[in-house]
Amino acid sequence: MVEDTHITDPEKLGTLLVVIALAVTWAYRCATRIMGRKNIRRKAHGRREKSWFRTGFDALRNWIMHKPDKVVAAWTHRYPRQPLRPLQSV
């Protein structure tokens, strides 16, 4: 995937990776803003309806077009940390 960009300059490649990381983080924050800590429903065959990224990306795209104030709120909102779950033995 990174090879498909044909970018050879390490500085430009680094910039691209930072932009991608920010976009994924922003989409995740939008998904968390919409769904809270709920899980995405599973269909009858066991797969989820949408991924977290798709849920957040759809919301982000909609908010950018229609509700810019929600876009900023999703980025600046502080979320409580979730406590770590102990590992379960198999």
PDB file of N, CA and C in Angstrom:
ATOM      1  N   MET A   1       0.818  -1.181   0.000  1.00  0.00           N
ATOM      2  CA  MET A   1       0.000   0.000   0.000  1.00  0.00           C
ATOM      3  C   MET A   1       0.870   1.257   0.000  1.00  0.00           C
ATOM      4  N   VAL A   2       1.839   1.308   0.861  1.00  0.00           N
ATOM      5  CA  VAL A   2       2.734   2.465   0.892  1.00  0.00           C
ATOM      6  C   VAL A   2       3.537   2.535  -0.406  1.00  0.00           C
ATOM      7  N   GLU A   3       3.848   1.377  -0.972  1.00  0.00           N
ATOM      8  CA  GLU A   3       4.590   1.346  -2.225  1.00  0.00           C
ATOM      9  C   GLU A   3       3.794   1.956  -3.378  1.00  0.00           C
ATOM     10  N   ASP A   4       2.471   1.874  -3.299  1.00  0.00           N
ATOM     11  CA  ASP A   4       1.610   2.417  -4.350  1.00  0.00           C
ATOM     12  C   ASP A   4       1.692   3.937  -4.455  1.00  0.00           C
ATOM     13  N   THR A   5       2.173   4.598  -3.427  1.00  0.00           N
ATOM     14  CA  THR A   5       2.284   6.066  -3.465  1.00  0.00           C
ATOM     15  C   THR A   5       3.465   6.505  -4.322  1.00  0.00           C
ATOM     16  N   HIS A   6       4.446   5.639  -4.486  1.00  0.00           N
ATOM     17  CA  HIS A   6       5.675   5.936  -5.235  1.00  0.00           C
ATOM     18  C   HIS A   6       6.455   7.101  -4.619  1.00  0.00           C
ATOM     19  N   ILE A   7       6.252   7.324  -3.332  1.00  0.00           N
ATOM     20  CA  ILE A   7       7.002   8.370  -2.638  1.00  0.00           C
ATOM     21  C   ILE A   7       8.344   7.787  -2.218  1.00  0.00           C
ATOM     22  N   THR A   8       9.417   8.464  -2.599  1.00  0.00           N
ATOM     23  CA  THR A   8      10.753   7.983  -2.228  1.00  0.00           C
ATOM     24  C   THR A   8      11.411   8.880  -1.192  1.00  0.00           C
ATOM     25  N   ASP A   9      10.946  10.096  -1.055  1.00  0.00           N
ATOM     26  CA  ASP A   9      11.518  11.030  -0.084  1.00  0.00           C
ATOM     27  C   ASP A   9      11.022  10.650   1.315  1.00  0.00           C
ATOM     28  N   PRO A  10      11.932  10.278   2.229  1.00  0.00           N
ATOM     29  CA  PRO A  10      11.514   9.850   3.567  1.00  0.00           C
ATOM     30  C   PRO A  10      10.724  10.926   4.322  1.00  0.00           C
ATOM     31  N   GLU A  11      11.046  12.176   4.099  1.00  0.00           N
ATOM     32  CA  GLU A  11      10.338  13.254   4.793  1.00  0.00           C
ATOM     33  C   GLU A  11       8.880  13.332   4.320  1.00  0.00           C
ATOM     34  N   LYS A  12       8.666  13.207   3.017  1.00  0.00           N
ATOM     35  CA  LYS A  12       7.309  13.242   2.481  1.00  0.00           C
ATOM     36  C   LYS A  12       6.518  12.005   2.915  1.00  0.00           C
ATOM     37  N   LEU A  13       7.182  10.862   2.949  1.00  0.00           N
ATOM     38  CA  LEU A  13       6.530   9.640   3.391  1.00  0.00           C
ATOM     39  C   LEU A  13       6.135   9.752   4.864  1.00  0.00           C
ATOM     40  N   GLY A  14       7.008  10.322   5.663  1.00  0.00           N
ATOM     41  CA  GLY A  14       6.696  10.546   7.074  1.00  0.00           C
ATOM     42  C   GLY A  14       5.495  11.461   7.251  1.00  0.00           C
ATOM     43  N   THR A  15       5.426  12.517   6.442  1.00  0.00           N
ATOM     44  CA  THR A  15       4.297  13.429   6.501  1.00  0.00           C
ATOM     45  C   THR A  15       3.006  12.708   6.132  1.00  0.00           C
ATOM     46  N   LEU A  16       3.053  11.877   5.088  1.00  0.00           N
ATOM     47  CA  LEU A  16       1.880  11.113   4.689  1.00  0.00           C
ATOM     48  C   LEU A  16       1.410  10.191   5.811  1.00  0.00           C
ATOM     49  N   LEU A  17       2.331   9.515   6.469  1.00  0.00           N
ATOM     50  CA  LEU A  17       1.961   8.605   7.559  1.00  0.00           C
ATOM     51  C   LEU A  17       1.365   9.350   8.741  1.00  0.00           C
ATOM     52  N   VAL A  18       1.869  10.544   9.020  1.00  0.00           N
ATOM     53  CA  VAL A  18       1.299  11.353  10.107  1.00  0.00           C
ATOM     54  C   VAL A  18      -0.129  11.763   9.760  1.00  0.00           C
ATOM     55  N   VAL A  19      -0.362  12.185   8.529  1.00  0.00           N
ATOM     56  CA  VAL A  19      -1.710  12.581   8.106  1.00  0.00           C
ATOM     57  C   VAL A  19      -2.669  11.388   8.194  1.00  0.00           C
ATOM     58  N   ILE A  20      -2.217  10.216   7.789  1.00  0.00           N
ATOM     59  CA  ILE A  20      -3.052   9.016   7.879  1.00  0.00           C
ATOM     60  C   ILE A  20      -3.357   8.681   9.335  1.00  0.00           C
ATOM     61  N   ALA A  21      -2.361   8.781  10.199  1.00  0.00           N
ATOM     62  CA  ALA A  21      -2.573   8.490  11.621  1.00  0.00           C
ATOM     63  C   ALA A  21      -3.583   9.462  12.234  1.00  0.00           C
ATOM     64  N   LEU A  22      -3.481  10.731  11.889  1.00  0.00           N
ATOM     65  CA  LEU A  22      -4.438  11.715  12.396  1.00  0.00           C
ATOM     66  C   LEU A  22      -5.849  11.435  11.884  1.00  0.00           C
ATOM     67  N   ALA A  23      -5.979  11.050  10.625  1.00  0.00           N
ATOM     68  CA  ALA A  23      -7.290  10.753  10.055  1.00  0.00           C
ATOM     69  C   ALA A  23      -7.930   9.545  10.742  1.00  0.00           C
ATOM     70  N   VAL A  24      -7.145   8.518  10.983  1.00  0.00           N
ATOM     71  CA  VAL A  24      -7.670   7.325  11.659  1.00  0.00           C
ATOM     72  C   VAL A  24      -8.074   7.672  13.094  1.00  0.00           C
ATOM     73  N   THR A  25      -7.261   8.451  13.777  1.00  0.00           N
ATOM     74  CA  THR A  25      -7.577   8.860  15.143  1.00  0.00           C
ATOM     75  C   THR A  25      -8.854   9.680  15.183  1.00  0.00           C
ATOM     76  N   TRP A  26      -9.001  10.608  14.256  1.00  0.00           N
ATOM     77  CA  TRP A  26     -10.189  11.453  14.212  1.00  0.00           C
ATOM     78  C   TRP A  26     -11.438  10.622  13.934  1.00  0.00           C
ATOM     79  N   ALA A  27     -11.353   9.675  13.025  1.00  0.00           N
ATOM     80  CA  ALA A  27     -12.490   8.799  12.735  1.00  0.00           C
ATOM     81  C   ALA A  27     -12.844   7.960  13.964  1.00  0.00           C
ATOM     82  N   TYR A  28     -11.838   7.478  14.671  1.00  0.00           N
ATOM     83  CA  TYR A  28     -12.082   6.700  15.889  1.00  0.00           C
ATOM     84  C   TYR A  28     -12.761   7.559  16.950  1.00  0.00           C
ATOM     85  N   ARG A  29     -12.318   8.801  17.090  1.00  0.00           N
ATOM     86  CA  ARG A  29     -12.919   9.700  18.071  1.00  0.00           C
ATOM     87  C   ARG A  29     -14.379   9.993  17.716  1.00  0.00           C
ATOM     88  N   CYS A  30     -14.682  10.133  16.431  1.00  0.00           N
ATOM     89  CA  CYS A  30     -16.069  10.353  15.998  1.00  0.00           C
ATOM     90  C   CYS A  30     -16.923   9.129  16.305  1.00  0.00           C
ATOM     91  N   ALA A  31     -16.391   7.945  16.054  1.00  0.00           N
ATOM     92  CA  ALA A  31     -17.124   6.713  16.349  1.00  0.00           C
ATOM     93  C   ALA A  31     -17.388   6.601  17.842  1.00  0.00           C
ATOM     94  N   THR A  32     -16.399   6.927  18.651  1.00  0.00           N
ATOM     95  CA  THR A  32     -16.561   6.869  20.097  1.00  0.00           C
ATOM     96  C   THR A  32     -17.576   7.902  20.559  1.00  0.00           C
ATOM     97  N   ARG A  33     -17.584   9.047  19.926  1.00  0.00           N
ATOM     98  CA  ARG A  33     -18.551  10.097  20.264  1.00  0.00           C
ATOM     99  C   ARG A  33     -19.976   9.620  19.982  1.00  0.00           C
ATOM    100  N   ILE A  34     -20.171   8.884  18.906  1.00  0.00           N
ATOM    101  CA  ILE A  34     -21.502   8.390  18.535  1.00  0.00           C
ATOM    102  C   ILE A  34     -21.919   7.200  19.391  1.00  0.00           C
ATOM    103  N   MET A  35     -21.029   6.227  19.518  1.00  0.00           N
ATOM    104  CA  MET A  35     -21.406   4.943  20.103  1.00  0.00           C
ATOM    105  C   MET A  35     -21.047   4.796  21.569  1.00  0.00           C
ATOM    106  N   GLY A  36     -20.201   5.662  22.079  1.00  0.00           N
ATOM    107  CA  GLY A  36     -19.755   5.479  23.454  1.00  0.00           C
ATOM    108  C   GLY A  36     -18.904   4.226  23.554  1.00  0.00           C
ATOM    109  N   ARG A  37     -19.192   3.391  24.515  1.00  0.00           N
ATOM    110  CA  ARG A  37     -18.427   2.157  24.705  1.00  0.00           C
ATOM    111  C   ARG A  37     -19.183   0.924  24.204  1.00  0.00           C
ATOM    112  N   LYS A  38     -20.283   1.127  23.483  1.00  0.00           N
ATOM    113  CA  LYS A  38     -21.056  -0.009  22.969  1.00  0.00           C
ATOM    114  C   LYS A  38     -20.281  -0.714  21.868  1.00  0.00           C
ATOM    115  N   ASN A  39     -20.553  -1.979  21.734  1.00  0.00           N
ATOM    116  CA  ASN A  39     -19.983  -2.742  20.630  1.00  0.00           C
ATOM    117  C   ASN A  39     -20.845  -2.567  19.391  1.00  0.00           C
ATOM    118  N   ILE A  40     -20.253  -2.744  18.248  1.00  0.00           N
ATOM    119  CA  ILE A  40     -21.001  -2.708  16.993  1.00  0.00           C
ATOM    120  C   ILE A  40     -21.738  -4.034  16.862  1.00  0.00           C
ATOM    121  N   ARG A  41     -23.002  -3.949  16.459  1.00  0.00           N
ATOM    122  CA  ARG A  41     -23.814  -5.161  16.348  1.00  0.00           C
ATOM    123  C   ARG A  41     -23.210  -6.145  15.357  1.00  0.00           C
ATOM    124  N   ARG A  42     -23.484  -7.411  15.611  1.00  0.00           N
ATOM    125  CA  ARG A  42     -23.036  -8.465  14.706  1.00  0.00           C
ATOM    126  C   ARG A  42     -24.220  -8.943  13.878  1.00  0.00           C
ATOM    127  N   LYS A  43     -23.938  -9.291  12.648  1.00  0.00           N
ATOM    128  CA  LYS A  43     -24.968  -9.848  11.775  1.00  0.00           C
ATOM    129  C   LYS A  43     -25.118 -11.332  12.059  1.00  0.00           C
ATOM    130  N   ALA A  44     -26.050 -11.974  11.382  1.00  0.00           N
ATOM    131  CA  ALA A  44     -26.338 -13.392  11.629  1.00  0.00           C
ATOM    132  C   ALA A  44     -25.125 -14.281  11.362  1.00  0.00           C
ATOM    133  N   HIS A  45     -24.274 -13.918  10.405  1.00  0.00           N
ATOM    134  CA  HIS A  45     -23.109 -14.738  10.085  1.00  0.00           C
ATOM    135  C   HIS A  45     -21.923 -14.466  11.011  1.00  0.00           C
ATOM    136  N   GLY A  46     -22.073 -13.526  11.956  1.00  0.00           N
ATOM    137  CA  GLY A  46     -21.045 -13.295  12.967  1.00  0.00           C
ATOM    138  C   GLY A  46     -20.163 -12.087  12.746  1.00  0.00           C
ATOM    139  N   ARG A  47     -20.171 -11.522  11.551  1.00  0.00           N
ATOM    140  CA  ARG A  47     -19.349 -10.334  11.302  1.00  0.00           C
ATOM    141  C   ARG A  47     -20.083  -9.088  11.768  1.00  0.00           C
ATOM    142  N   ARG A  48     -19.314  -8.069  12.052  1.00  0.00           N
ATOM    143  CA  ARG A  48     -19.917  -6.818  12.496  1.00  0.00           C
ATOM    144  C   ARG A  48     -20.536  -6.081  11.319  1.00  0.00           C
ATOM    145  N   GLU A  49     -21.555  -5.243  11.621  1.00  0.00           N
ATOM    146  CA  GLU A  49     -22.221  -4.476  10.570  1.00  0.00           C
ATOM    147  C   GLU A  49     -21.252  -3.523   9.884  1.00  0.00           C
ATOM    148  N   LYS A  50     -20.494  -2.797  10.686  1.00  0.00           N
ATOM    149  CA  LYS A  50     -19.496  -1.847  10.186  1.00  0.00           C
ATOM    150  C   LYS A  50     -18.297  -1.904  11.112  1.00  0.00           C
ATOM    151  N   SER A  51     -17.169  -1.448  10.614  1.00  0.00           N
ATOM    152  CA  SER A  51     -15.996  -1.342  11.479  1.00  0.00           C
ATOM    153  C   SER A  51     -16.086  -0.034  12.256  1.00  0.00           C
ATOM    154  N   TRP A  52     -15.280   0.083  13.298  1.00  0.00           N
ATOM    155  CA  TRP A  52     -15.210   1.341  14.056  1.00  0.00           C
ATOM    156  C   TRP A  52     -14.780   2.468  13.132  1.00  0.00           C
ATOM    157  N   PHE A  53     -13.804   2.184  12.274  1.00  0.00           N
ATOM    158  CA  PHE A  53     -13.319   3.222  11.371  1.00  0.00           C
ATOM    159  C   PHE A  53     -14.430   3.684  10.436  1.00  0.00           C
ATOM    160  N   ARG A  54     -15.171   2.751   9.855  1.00  0.00           N
ATOM    161  CA  ARG A  54     -16.235   3.130   8.916  1.00  0.00           C
ATOM    162  C   ARG A  54     -17.324   3.932   9.615  1.00  0.00           C
ATOM    163  N   THR A  55     -17.685   3.536  10.825  1.00  0.00           N
ATOM    164  CA  THR A  55     -18.690   4.266  11.591  1.00  0.00           C
ATOM    165  C   THR A  55     -18.228   5.695  11.839  1.00  0.00           C
ATOM    166  N   GLY A  56     -16.988   5.849  12.287  1.00  0.00           N
ATOM    167  CA  GLY A  56     -16.461   7.177  12.561  1.00  0.00           C
ATOM    168  C   GLY A  56     -16.246   7.989  11.304  1.00  0.00           C
ATOM    169  N   PHE A  57     -15.786   7.354  10.237  1.00  0.00           N
ATOM    170  CA  PHE A  57     -15.546   8.064   8.987  1.00  0.00           C
ATOM    171  C   PHE A  57     -16.847   8.591   8.398  1.00  0.00           C
ATOM    172  N   ASP A  58     -17.901   7.770   8.434  1.00  0.00           N
ATOM    173  CA  ASP A  58     -19.203   8.222   7.941  1.00  0.00           C
ATOM    174  C   ASP A  58     -19.710   9.417   8.746  1.00  0.00           C
ATOM    175  N   ALA A  59     -19.561   9.350  10.068  1.00  0.00           N
ATOM    176  CA  ALA A  59     -19.990  10.462  10.920  1.00  0.00           C
ATOM    177  C   ALA A  59     -19.152  11.703  10.646  1.00  0.00           C
ATOM    178  N   LEU A  60     -17.849  11.539  10.534  1.00  0.00           N
ATOM    179  CA  LEU A  60     -16.954  12.671  10.277  1.00  0.00           C
ATOM    180  C   LEU A  60     -17.304  13.352   8.959  1.00  0.00           C
ATOM    181  N   ARG A  61     -17.509  12.570   7.938  1.00  0.00           N
ATOM    182  CA  ARG A  61     -17.858  13.120   6.630  1.00  0.00           C
ATOM    183  C   ARG A  61     -19.184  13.876   6.693  1.00  0.00           C
ATOM    184  N   ASN A  62     -20.159  13.317   7.373  1.00  0.00           N
ATOM    185  CA  ASN A  62     -21.461  13.965   7.512  1.00  0.00           C
ATOM    186  C   ASN A  62     -21.338  15.258   8.321  1.00  0.00           C
ATOM    187  N   TRP A  63     -20.596  15.212   9.411  1.00  0.00           N
ATOM    188  CA  TRP A  63     -20.451  16.399  10.256  1.00  0.00           C
ATOM    189  C   TRP A  63     -19.686  17.513   9.549  1.00  0.00           C
ATOM    190  N   ILE A  64     -18.670  17.162   8.773  1.00  0.00           N
ATOM    191  CA  ILE A  64     -17.930  18.194   8.043  1.00  0.00           C
ATOM    192  C   ILE A  64     -18.868  18.938   7.099  1.00  0.00           C
ATOM    193  N   MET A  65     -19.755  18.204   6.454  1.00  0.00           N
ATOM    194  CA  MET A  65     -20.678  18.818   5.489  1.00  0.00           C
ATOM    195  C   MET A  65     -21.791  19.606   6.167  1.00  0.00           C
ATOM    196  N   HIS A  66     -22.332  19.085   7.284  1.00  0.00           N
ATOM    197  CA  HIS A  66     -23.562  19.649   7.831  1.00  0.00           C
ATOM    198  C   HIS A  66     -23.449  20.234   9.238  1.00  0.00           C
ATOM    199  N   LYS A  67     -22.524  19.751  10.043  1.00  0.00           N
ATOM    200  CA  LYS A  67     -22.427  20.205  11.440  1.00  0.00           C
ATOM    201  C   LYS A  67     -20.966  20.365  11.852  1.00  0.00           C
ATOM    202  N   PRO A  68     -20.297  21.410  11.368  1.00  0.00           N
ATOM    203  CA  PRO A  68     -18.867  21.574  11.668  1.00  0.00           C
ATOM    204  C   PRO A  68     -18.547  21.679  13.155  1.00  0.00           C
ATOM    205  N   ASP A  69     -19.484  22.165  13.958  1.00  0.00           N
ATOM    206  CA  ASP A  69     -19.233  22.275  15.394  1.00  0.00           C
ATOM    207  C   ASP A  69     -19.043  20.901  16.034  1.00  0.00           C
ATOM    208  N   LYS A  70     -19.730  19.873  15.531  1.00  0.00           N
ATOM    209  CA  LYS A  70     -19.567  18.519  16.068  1.00  0.00           C
ATOM    210  C   LYS A  70     -18.196  17.939  15.731  1.00  0.00           C
ATOM    211  N   VAL A  71     -17.648  18.338  14.593  1.00  0.00           N
ATOM    212  CA  VAL A  71     -16.324  17.851  14.197  1.00  0.00           C
ATOM    213  C   VAL A  71     -15.279  18.299  15.211  1.00  0.00           C
ATOM    214  N   VAL A  72     -15.332  19.567  15.559  1.00  0.00           N
ATOM    215  CA  VAL A  72     -14.384  20.115  16.533  1.00  0.00           C
ATOM    216  C   VAL A  72     -14.624  19.498  17.902  1.00  0.00           C
ATOM    217  N   ALA A  73     -15.886  19.334  18.277  1.00  0.00           N
ATOM    218  CA  ALA A  73     -16.199  18.743  19.580  1.00  0.00           C
ATOM    219  C   ALA A  73     -15.689  17.315  19.685  1.00  0.00           C
ATOM    220  N   ALA A  74     -15.787  16.555  18.592  1.00  0.00           N
ATOM    221  CA  ALA A  74     -15.303  15.170  18.621  1.00  0.00           C
ATOM    222  C   ALA A  74     -13.797  15.121  18.821  1.00  0.00           C
ATOM    223  N   TRP A  75     -13.090  16.079  18.258  1.00  0.00           N
ATOM    224  CA  TRP A  75     -11.632  16.097  18.391  1.00  0.00           C
ATOM    225  C   TRP A  75     -11.194  16.565  19.775  1.00  0.00           C
ATOM    226  N   THR A  76     -11.894  17.547  20.345  1.00  0.00           N
ATOM    227  CA  THR A  76     -11.444  18.163  21.599  1.00  0.00           C
ATOM    228  C   THR A  76     -12.023  17.494  22.836  1.00  0.00           C
ATOM    229  N   HIS A  77     -13.051  16.668  22.689  1.00  0.00           N
ATOM    230  CA  HIS A  77     -13.682  16.031  23.845  1.00  0.00           C
ATOM    231  C   HIS A  77     -12.718  15.054  24.509  1.00  0.00           C
ATOM    232  N   ARG A  78     -12.671  15.107  25.827  1.00  0.00           N
ATOM    233  CA  ARG A  78     -11.813  14.179  26.575  1.00  0.00           C
ATOM    234  C   ARG A  78     -12.633  12.968  26.976  1.00  0.00           C
ATOM    235  N   TYR A  79     -12.120  11.803  26.697  1.00  0.00           N
ATOM    236  CA  TYR A  79     -12.814  10.564  27.001  1.00  0.00           C
ATOM    237  C   TYR A  79     -12.176   9.922  28.221  1.00  0.00           C
ATOM    238  N   PRO A  80     -12.994   9.332  29.093  1.00  0.00           N
ATOM    239  CA  PRO A  80     -12.403   8.651  30.255  1.00  0.00           C
ATOM    240  C   PRO A  80     -11.667   7.400  29.808  1.00  0.00           C
ATOM    241  N   ARG A  81     -10.605   7.097  30.507  1.00  0.00           N
ATOM    242  CA  ARG A  81      -9.846   5.889  30.179  1.00  0.00           C
ATOM    243  C   ARG A  81     -10.609   4.670  30.630  1.00  0.00           C
ATOM    244  N   GLN A  82     -10.484   3.608  29.845  1.00  0.00           N
ATOM    245  CA  GLN A  82     -11.124   2.352  30.190  1.00  0.00           C
ATOM    246  C   GLN A  82     -10.108   1.518  30.965  1.00  0.00           C
ATOM    247  N   PRO A  83     -10.534   0.964  32.110  1.00  0.00           N
ATOM    248  CA  PRO A  83      -9.585   0.153  32.876  1.00  0.00           C
ATOM    249  C   PRO A  83      -9.169  -1.083  32.085  1.00  0.00           C
ATOM    250  N   LEU A  84      -7.940  -1.516  32.284  1.00  0.00           N
ATOM    251  CA  LEU A  84      -7.441  -2.714  31.618  1.00  0.00           C
ATOM    252  C   LEU A  84      -8.127  -3.946  32.176  1.00  0.00           C
ATOM    253  N   ARG A  85      -8.449  -4.850  31.289  1.00  0.00           N
ATOM    254  CA  ARG A  85      -9.059  -6.120  31.704  1.00  0.00           C
ATOM    255  C   ARG A  85      -7.951  -7.131  31.948  1.00  0.00           C
ATOM    256  N   PRO A  86      -8.089  -7.954  32.970  1.00  0.00           N
ATOM    257  CA  PRO A  86      -7.069  -8.985  33.191  1.00  0.00           C
ATOM    258  C   PRO A  86      -7.104 -10.013  32.073  1.00  0.00           C
ATOM    259  N   LEU A  87      -5.945 -10.574  31.751  1.00  0.00           N
ATOM    260  CA  LEU A  87      -5.866 -11.603  30.720  1.00  0.00           C
ATOM    261  C   LEU A  87      -6.565 -12.866  31.197  1.00  0.00           C
ATOM    262  N   GLN A  88      -7.286 -13.492  30.287  1.00  0.00           N
ATOM    263  CA  GLN A  88      -7.977 -14.734  30.628  1.00  0.00           C
ATOM    264  C   GLN A  88      -7.143 -15.906  30.135  1.00  0.00           C
ATOM    265  N   SER A  89      -7.052 -16.925  30.946  1.00  0.00           N
ATOM    266  CA  SER A  89      -6.298 -18.106  30.521  1.00  0.00           C
ATOM    267  C   SER A  89      -7.156 -18.935  29.579  1.00  0.00           C
ATOM    268  N   VAL A  90      -6.487 -19.579  28.644  1.00  0.00           N
ATOM    269  CA  VAL A  90      -7.202 -20.352  27.607  1.00  0.00           C
ATOM    270  C   VAL A  90      -7.388 -21.760  28.033  1.00  0.00           C
TER     271      VAL A  90
END
